[in-house]
N, C-alpha and C. Protein backbone atom coordinates (compact mmCIF):
# COMPACT_ATOMS: atom_id res chain seq x y z
N UNK A 1 4.77 37.39 24.30
CA UNK A 1 5.67 36.60 23.47
C UNK A 1 5.20 35.14 23.50
N UNK A 2 5.05 34.49 22.30
CA UNK A 2 4.56 33.12 22.29
C UNK A 2 5.56 32.16 22.90
N UNK A 3 5.00 31.10 23.49
CA UNK A 3 5.85 30.08 24.10
C UNK A 3 6.62 29.35 23.01
N UNK A 4 7.82 28.95 23.32
CA UNK A 4 8.65 28.24 22.35
C UNK A 4 8.16 26.81 22.20
N UNK A 5 8.02 26.36 20.95
CA UNK A 5 7.57 24.99 20.69
C UNK A 5 8.74 24.05 20.86
N UNK A 6 8.55 22.99 21.67
CA UNK A 6 9.66 22.05 21.86
C UNK A 6 9.93 21.30 20.56
N UNK A 7 11.18 20.91 20.32
CA UNK A 7 11.51 20.17 19.10
C UNK A 7 10.81 18.80 19.12
N UNK A 8 10.55 18.28 17.91
CA UNK A 8 9.95 16.95 17.82
C UNK A 8 10.93 15.93 18.36
N UNK A 9 10.41 14.97 19.07
CA UNK A 9 11.29 13.95 19.64
C UNK A 9 11.44 12.79 18.67
N UNK A 10 12.48 12.05 18.83
CA UNK A 10 12.71 10.86 18.02
C UNK A 10 11.75 9.77 18.46
N UNK A 11 11.46 8.79 17.60
CA UNK A 11 10.57 7.71 18.01
C UNK A 11 11.14 6.98 19.22
N UNK A 12 10.27 6.59 20.10
CA UNK A 12 10.71 5.87 21.29
C UNK A 12 11.14 4.47 20.89
N UNK A 13 12.24 4.04 21.42
CA UNK A 13 12.72 2.70 21.13
C UNK A 13 12.18 1.75 22.18
N UNK A 14 11.76 0.60 21.69
CA UNK A 14 11.22 -0.41 22.58
C UNK A 14 12.24 -1.53 22.63
N UNK A 15 12.68 -1.88 23.79
CA UNK A 15 13.67 -2.94 23.90
C UNK A 15 14.01 -3.21 25.34
N UNK A 16 15.08 -3.92 25.52
CA UNK A 16 15.50 -4.28 26.86
C UNK A 16 16.55 -3.31 27.36
N UNK A 17 16.58 -3.14 28.64
CA UNK A 17 17.57 -2.27 29.26
C UNK A 17 18.76 -3.11 29.72
N UNK A 18 19.92 -2.54 29.62
CA UNK A 18 21.12 -3.23 30.05
C UNK A 18 21.23 -3.24 31.57
N UNK A 19 22.24 -3.88 32.12
CA UNK A 19 22.41 -3.99 33.56
C UNK A 19 22.63 -2.63 34.24
N UNK A 20 23.08 -1.63 33.47
CA UNK A 20 23.28 -0.31 34.04
C UNK A 20 21.99 0.51 34.08
N UNK A 21 20.87 -0.09 33.59
CA UNK A 21 19.59 0.61 33.60
C UNK A 21 19.33 1.43 32.35
N UNK A 22 20.34 1.63 31.52
CA UNK A 22 20.16 2.37 30.28
C UNK A 22 19.64 1.44 29.19
N UNK A 23 18.87 2.03 28.31
CA UNK A 23 18.35 1.24 27.21
C UNK A 23 19.49 0.92 26.24
N UNK A 24 19.50 -0.29 25.76
CA UNK A 24 20.55 -0.70 24.82
C UNK A 24 20.45 0.13 23.55
N UNK A 25 21.56 0.28 22.84
CA UNK A 25 21.59 1.11 21.64
C UNK A 25 20.88 0.42 20.48
N UNK A 26 20.22 1.23 19.60
CA UNK A 26 19.56 0.64 18.45
C UNK A 26 20.58 0.00 17.52
N UNK A 27 20.14 -1.03 16.83
CA UNK A 27 21.02 -1.70 15.90
C UNK A 27 21.90 -2.75 16.56
N UNK A 28 21.84 -2.86 17.85
CA UNK A 28 22.62 -3.86 18.57
C UNK A 28 21.68 -4.73 19.37
N UNK A 29 22.17 -5.90 19.69
CA UNK A 29 21.38 -6.78 20.53
C UNK A 29 21.55 -6.32 21.97
N UNK A 30 20.46 -6.35 22.73
CA UNK A 30 20.52 -5.96 24.13
C UNK A 30 21.41 -6.93 24.88
N UNK A 31 22.03 -6.46 25.95
CA UNK A 31 22.97 -7.30 26.71
C UNK A 31 22.30 -8.55 27.27
N UNK A 32 21.00 -8.49 27.54
CA UNK A 32 20.32 -9.67 28.07
C UNK A 32 19.82 -10.59 26.96
N UNK A 33 20.24 -10.33 25.70
CA UNK A 33 19.89 -11.20 24.58
C UNK A 33 18.58 -10.82 23.91
N UNK A 34 17.87 -9.83 24.43
CA UNK A 34 16.60 -9.42 23.83
C UNK A 34 16.82 -8.70 22.52
N UNK A 35 15.79 -8.60 21.76
CA UNK A 35 15.85 -7.95 20.45
C UNK A 35 15.31 -6.53 20.58
N UNK A 36 16.00 -5.58 19.99
CA UNK A 36 15.54 -4.20 20.00
C UNK A 36 14.59 -3.98 18.84
N UNK A 37 13.57 -3.20 19.07
CA UNK A 37 12.64 -2.84 18.02
C UNK A 37 12.44 -1.34 18.04
N UNK A 38 12.25 -0.76 16.87
CA UNK A 38 11.98 0.66 16.78
C UNK A 38 10.56 0.85 16.30
N UNK A 39 9.83 1.73 16.96
CA UNK A 39 8.46 1.98 16.57
C UNK A 39 8.44 2.79 15.28
N UNK A 40 7.48 2.51 14.43
CA UNK A 40 7.33 3.29 13.20
C UNK A 40 5.85 3.33 12.84
N UNK A 41 5.51 4.24 11.96
CA UNK A 41 4.13 4.41 11.53
C UNK A 41 4.01 3.95 10.09
N UNK A 42 2.99 3.19 9.82
CA UNK A 42 2.72 2.73 8.47
C UNK A 42 1.22 2.55 8.32
N UNK A 43 0.80 2.15 7.14
CA UNK A 43 -0.62 2.01 6.85
C UNK A 43 -0.86 0.65 6.20
N UNK A 44 -1.96 0.00 6.61
CA UNK A 44 -2.41 -1.20 5.93
C UNK A 44 -3.48 -0.74 4.94
N UNK A 45 -3.26 -1.05 3.68
CA UNK A 45 -4.19 -0.62 2.62
C UNK A 45 -4.90 -1.85 2.06
N UNK A 46 -6.21 -1.75 1.96
CA UNK A 46 -7.02 -2.81 1.36
C UNK A 46 -7.60 -2.26 0.06
N UNK A 47 -7.64 -3.10 -0.97
CA UNK A 47 -8.27 -2.72 -2.24
C UNK A 47 -9.03 -3.93 -2.74
N UNK A 48 -10.19 -3.66 -3.33
CA UNK A 48 -11.04 -4.73 -3.80
C UNK A 48 -11.80 -4.24 -5.03
N UNK A 49 -11.91 -5.08 -6.05
CA UNK A 49 -12.69 -4.72 -7.24
C UNK A 49 -14.16 -4.58 -6.83
N UNK A 50 -14.74 -3.46 -7.14
CA UNK A 50 -16.14 -3.24 -6.81
C UNK A 50 -17.01 -4.14 -7.70
N UNK A 51 -17.92 -4.86 -7.08
CA UNK A 51 -18.89 -5.73 -7.78
C UNK A 51 -18.20 -6.69 -8.75
N UNK A 52 -17.13 -7.33 -8.29
CA UNK A 52 -16.38 -8.21 -9.19
C UNK A 52 -17.19 -9.41 -9.65
N UNK A 53 -18.08 -9.92 -8.82
CA UNK A 53 -18.90 -11.07 -9.23
C UNK A 53 -19.83 -10.69 -10.38
N UNK A 54 -20.47 -9.54 -10.26
CA UNK A 54 -21.35 -9.07 -11.34
C UNK A 54 -20.54 -8.77 -12.61
N UNK A 55 -19.35 -8.17 -12.42
CA UNK A 55 -18.48 -7.88 -13.57
C UNK A 55 -18.07 -9.18 -14.25
N UNK A 56 -17.72 -10.18 -13.45
CA UNK A 56 -17.32 -11.47 -14.03
C UNK A 56 -18.47 -12.07 -14.84
N UNK A 57 -19.68 -12.03 -14.30
CA UNK A 57 -20.84 -12.55 -15.04
C UNK A 57 -21.03 -11.82 -16.38
N UNK A 58 -20.94 -10.49 -16.32
CA UNK A 58 -21.15 -9.70 -17.54
C UNK A 58 -20.07 -9.98 -18.58
N UNK A 59 -18.82 -10.05 -18.15
CA UNK A 59 -17.72 -10.29 -19.09
C UNK A 59 -17.80 -11.70 -19.66
N UNK A 60 -18.05 -12.69 -18.81
CA UNK A 60 -18.11 -14.07 -19.32
C UNK A 60 -19.33 -14.31 -20.19
N UNK A 61 -20.40 -13.54 -19.99
CA UNK A 61 -21.59 -13.65 -20.84
C UNK A 61 -21.28 -13.16 -22.25
N UNK A 62 -20.49 -12.08 -22.34
CA UNK A 62 -20.13 -11.53 -23.65
C UNK A 62 -18.94 -12.24 -24.27
N UNK A 63 -18.08 -12.81 -23.43
CA UNK A 63 -16.87 -13.43 -23.95
C UNK A 63 -16.69 -14.80 -23.28
N UNK A 64 -15.70 -14.90 -22.39
CA UNK A 64 -15.47 -16.15 -21.66
C UNK A 64 -14.70 -15.87 -20.37
N UNK A 65 -14.45 -16.90 -19.62
CA UNK A 65 -13.74 -16.79 -18.34
C UNK A 65 -12.34 -16.20 -18.54
N UNK A 66 -11.70 -16.58 -19.61
CA UNK A 66 -10.35 -16.09 -19.91
C UNK A 66 -10.34 -14.56 -20.01
N UNK A 67 -11.35 -13.98 -20.62
CA UNK A 67 -11.42 -12.52 -20.77
C UNK A 67 -11.49 -11.85 -19.40
N UNK A 68 -12.28 -12.41 -18.48
CA UNK A 68 -12.35 -11.83 -17.14
C UNK A 68 -11.02 -11.96 -16.42
N UNK A 69 -10.37 -13.11 -16.54
CA UNK A 69 -9.08 -13.31 -15.87
C UNK A 69 -8.02 -12.34 -16.40
N UNK A 70 -8.07 -12.04 -17.69
CA UNK A 70 -7.15 -11.05 -18.26
C UNK A 70 -7.43 -9.67 -17.69
N UNK A 71 -8.70 -9.33 -17.53
CA UNK A 71 -9.08 -8.06 -16.94
C UNK A 71 -8.58 -7.97 -15.49
N UNK A 72 -8.74 -9.05 -14.74
CA UNK A 72 -8.27 -9.09 -13.36
C UNK A 72 -6.74 -8.97 -13.29
N UNK A 73 -6.04 -9.62 -14.20
CA UNK A 73 -4.58 -9.53 -14.23
C UNK A 73 -4.12 -8.10 -14.53
N UNK A 74 -4.83 -7.42 -15.44
CA UNK A 74 -4.51 -6.03 -15.74
C UNK A 74 -4.72 -5.17 -14.48
N UNK A 75 -5.81 -5.41 -13.79
CA UNK A 75 -6.10 -4.73 -12.52
C UNK A 75 -4.94 -4.93 -11.53
N UNK A 76 -4.50 -6.17 -11.39
CA UNK A 76 -3.42 -6.49 -10.45
C UNK A 76 -2.10 -5.82 -10.84
N UNK A 77 -1.82 -5.75 -12.15
CA UNK A 77 -0.58 -5.08 -12.60
C UNK A 77 -0.62 -3.59 -12.26
N UNK A 78 -1.77 -2.97 -12.44
CA UNK A 78 -1.92 -1.54 -12.10
C UNK A 78 -1.67 -1.33 -10.61
N UNK A 79 -2.32 -2.16 -9.79
CA UNK A 79 -2.14 -2.04 -8.34
C UNK A 79 -0.68 -2.20 -7.95
N UNK A 80 -0.06 -3.23 -8.47
CA UNK A 80 1.33 -3.51 -8.13
C UNK A 80 2.25 -2.35 -8.52
N UNK A 81 2.06 -1.84 -9.73
CA UNK A 81 2.90 -0.73 -10.20
C UNK A 81 2.75 0.50 -9.31
N UNK A 82 1.52 0.85 -8.97
CA UNK A 82 1.28 2.07 -8.19
C UNK A 82 1.71 1.91 -6.74
N UNK A 83 1.34 0.81 -6.11
CA UNK A 83 1.64 0.62 -4.69
C UNK A 83 3.14 0.49 -4.43
N UNK A 84 3.84 -0.23 -5.28
CA UNK A 84 5.26 -0.52 -5.01
C UNK A 84 6.24 0.51 -5.57
N UNK A 85 5.74 1.46 -6.38
CA UNK A 85 6.62 2.46 -6.99
C UNK A 85 7.45 3.17 -5.93
N UNK A 86 8.71 3.38 -6.20
CA UNK A 86 9.65 4.09 -5.32
C UNK A 86 9.79 3.42 -3.94
N UNK A 87 9.46 2.16 -3.84
CA UNK A 87 9.58 1.47 -2.56
C UNK A 87 8.59 1.95 -1.51
N UNK A 88 7.52 2.62 -1.94
CA UNK A 88 6.56 3.21 -1.02
C UNK A 88 5.71 2.18 -0.30
N UNK A 89 5.47 1.05 -0.95
CA UNK A 89 4.61 0.05 -0.35
C UNK A 89 4.97 -1.34 -0.80
N UNK A 90 4.35 -2.29 -0.14
CA UNK A 90 4.61 -3.69 -0.42
C UNK A 90 3.28 -4.44 -0.36
N UNK A 91 2.97 -5.17 -1.41
CA UNK A 91 1.75 -5.98 -1.39
C UNK A 91 2.06 -7.26 -0.62
N UNK A 92 1.28 -7.51 0.42
CA UNK A 92 1.54 -8.68 1.26
C UNK A 92 0.59 -9.83 0.97
N UNK A 93 -0.54 -9.54 0.31
CA UNK A 93 -1.48 -10.62 -0.01
C UNK A 93 -2.39 -10.20 -1.15
N UNK A 94 -2.57 -11.11 -2.10
CA UNK A 94 -3.56 -10.94 -3.15
C UNK A 94 -4.80 -11.69 -2.70
N UNK A 95 -5.97 -11.09 -2.87
CA UNK A 95 -7.21 -11.67 -2.37
C UNK A 95 -8.11 -12.19 -3.48
N UNK A 96 -7.60 -12.37 -4.67
CA UNK A 96 -8.41 -12.83 -5.80
C UNK A 96 -8.87 -11.66 -6.63
N UNK A 97 -9.61 -10.72 -6.01
CA UNK A 97 -10.06 -9.53 -6.75
C UNK A 97 -9.59 -8.26 -6.05
N UNK A 98 -8.50 -8.37 -5.30
CA UNK A 98 -7.97 -7.21 -4.59
C UNK A 98 -6.64 -7.56 -3.94
N UNK A 99 -6.25 -6.70 -2.99
CA UNK A 99 -4.96 -6.92 -2.33
C UNK A 99 -4.94 -6.27 -0.96
N UNK A 100 -3.96 -6.68 -0.17
CA UNK A 100 -3.64 -6.06 1.10
C UNK A 100 -2.19 -5.62 0.99
N UNK A 101 -1.93 -4.36 1.31
CA UNK A 101 -0.57 -3.83 1.18
C UNK A 101 -0.18 -3.07 2.44
N UNK A 102 1.11 -2.96 2.65
CA UNK A 102 1.67 -2.11 3.70
C UNK A 102 2.31 -0.93 3.01
N UNK A 103 1.96 0.28 3.46
CA UNK A 103 2.49 1.50 2.87
C UNK A 103 3.21 2.28 3.96
N UNK A 104 4.34 2.89 3.62
CA UNK A 104 5.23 3.47 4.63
C UNK A 104 4.71 4.71 5.33
N UNK A 105 3.76 5.42 4.75
CA UNK A 105 3.28 6.66 5.38
C UNK A 105 1.82 6.90 5.02
N UNK A 106 1.03 7.44 5.94
CA UNK A 106 -0.38 7.71 5.65
C UNK A 106 -0.59 8.60 4.42
N UNK A 107 0.20 9.64 4.27
CA UNK A 107 0.02 10.54 3.13
C UNK A 107 0.29 9.82 1.81
N UNK A 108 1.27 8.95 1.80
CA UNK A 108 1.59 8.19 0.60
C UNK A 108 0.46 7.21 0.29
N UNK A 109 -0.11 6.59 1.32
CA UNK A 109 -1.22 5.66 1.11
C UNK A 109 -2.41 6.37 0.47
N UNK A 110 -2.72 7.57 0.95
CA UNK A 110 -3.85 8.32 0.38
C UNK A 110 -3.55 8.71 -1.07
N UNK A 111 -2.34 9.20 -1.33
CA UNK A 111 -1.97 9.57 -2.70
C UNK A 111 -2.06 8.38 -3.64
N UNK A 112 -1.57 7.22 -3.20
CA UNK A 112 -1.59 6.03 -4.06
C UNK A 112 -3.03 5.53 -4.25
N UNK A 113 -3.87 5.60 -3.22
CA UNK A 113 -5.27 5.18 -3.35
C UNK A 113 -6.00 6.05 -4.37
N UNK A 114 -5.76 7.35 -4.32
CA UNK A 114 -6.38 8.26 -5.29
C UNK A 114 -5.88 7.94 -6.70
N UNK A 115 -4.60 7.70 -6.82
CA UNK A 115 -4.02 7.36 -8.13
C UNK A 115 -4.62 6.07 -8.68
N UNK A 116 -4.84 5.09 -7.82
CA UNK A 116 -5.46 3.83 -8.26
C UNK A 116 -6.87 4.11 -8.77
N UNK A 117 -7.64 4.88 -8.01
CA UNK A 117 -9.01 5.20 -8.44
C UNK A 117 -9.02 5.92 -9.78
N UNK A 118 -8.14 6.91 -9.93
CA UNK A 118 -8.10 7.66 -11.19
C UNK A 118 -7.76 6.76 -12.36
N UNK A 119 -6.79 5.88 -12.16
CA UNK A 119 -6.40 5.00 -13.27
C UNK A 119 -7.48 3.97 -13.58
N UNK A 120 -8.17 3.49 -12.57
CA UNK A 120 -9.24 2.51 -12.80
C UNK A 120 -10.44 3.15 -13.50
N UNK A 121 -10.67 4.43 -13.29
CA UNK A 121 -11.80 5.11 -13.91
C UNK A 121 -11.47 5.75 -15.26
N UNK A 122 -10.20 5.77 -15.60
CA UNK A 122 -9.79 6.35 -16.89
C UNK A 122 -10.14 5.38 -18.01
N UNK A 123 -10.49 5.89 -19.19
CA UNK A 123 -10.77 4.99 -20.31
C UNK A 123 -9.47 4.29 -20.74
N UNK A 124 -9.60 3.07 -21.27
CA UNK A 124 -8.39 2.39 -21.77
C UNK A 124 -7.70 3.25 -22.82
N UNK A 125 -6.39 3.12 -22.99
CA UNK A 125 -5.64 3.98 -23.92
C UNK A 125 -6.24 4.04 -25.32
N UNK A 126 -6.70 2.93 -25.87
CA UNK A 126 -7.26 2.95 -27.23
C UNK A 126 -8.61 3.68 -27.27
N UNK A 127 -9.41 3.57 -26.22
CA UNK A 127 -10.69 4.29 -26.17
C UNK A 127 -10.49 5.77 -25.88
N UNK A 128 -9.48 6.10 -25.08
CA UNK A 128 -9.19 7.49 -24.76
C UNK A 128 -8.83 8.30 -25.99
N UNK A 129 -8.05 7.70 -26.88
CA UNK A 129 -7.64 8.39 -28.11
C UNK A 129 -8.86 8.61 -29.01
N UNK A 130 -9.74 7.61 -29.07
CA UNK A 130 -10.94 7.74 -29.90
C UNK A 130 -11.88 8.82 -29.34
N UNK A 131 -11.97 8.91 -28.02
CA UNK A 131 -12.87 9.89 -27.39
C UNK A 131 -12.39 11.32 -27.61
N UNK A 132 -11.06 11.52 -27.60
CA UNK A 132 -10.54 12.87 -27.77
C UNK A 132 -10.57 13.32 -29.23
N UNK A 133 -10.58 12.37 -30.17
CA UNK A 133 -10.60 12.76 -31.58
C UNK A 133 -12.03 12.96 -32.10
N UNK A 134 -13.04 12.57 -31.32
CA UNK A 134 -14.42 12.69 -31.79
C UNK A 134 -14.94 14.10 -31.65
């Protein structure tokens, strides 16, 4: 007969212990004035435009600086929409041609990273329609 698997335990709470030796309850301040913290798992996600300097040169050669900045703004809107959807993540810093975000779970970070790649590699809506009708 297989051994019984123990139930998953709750995250360990990190904080101060009260005078009775017991750990203070979550959501309350410890009796000695310390702050309680609860451990959690999250992911730091980095994203960066591949070869953005070369892309900027190519775009500004054909058009101007404004055209590249519009392209970068579109990139940033896509990232923001995907990362922050459903409260899954929060962008904490824009890096000029990328971002740093905190995502609540590893699986969500992977799903959102794949979604970003797929959207970045998809043809623009006007080109996609032309490609399917040809």
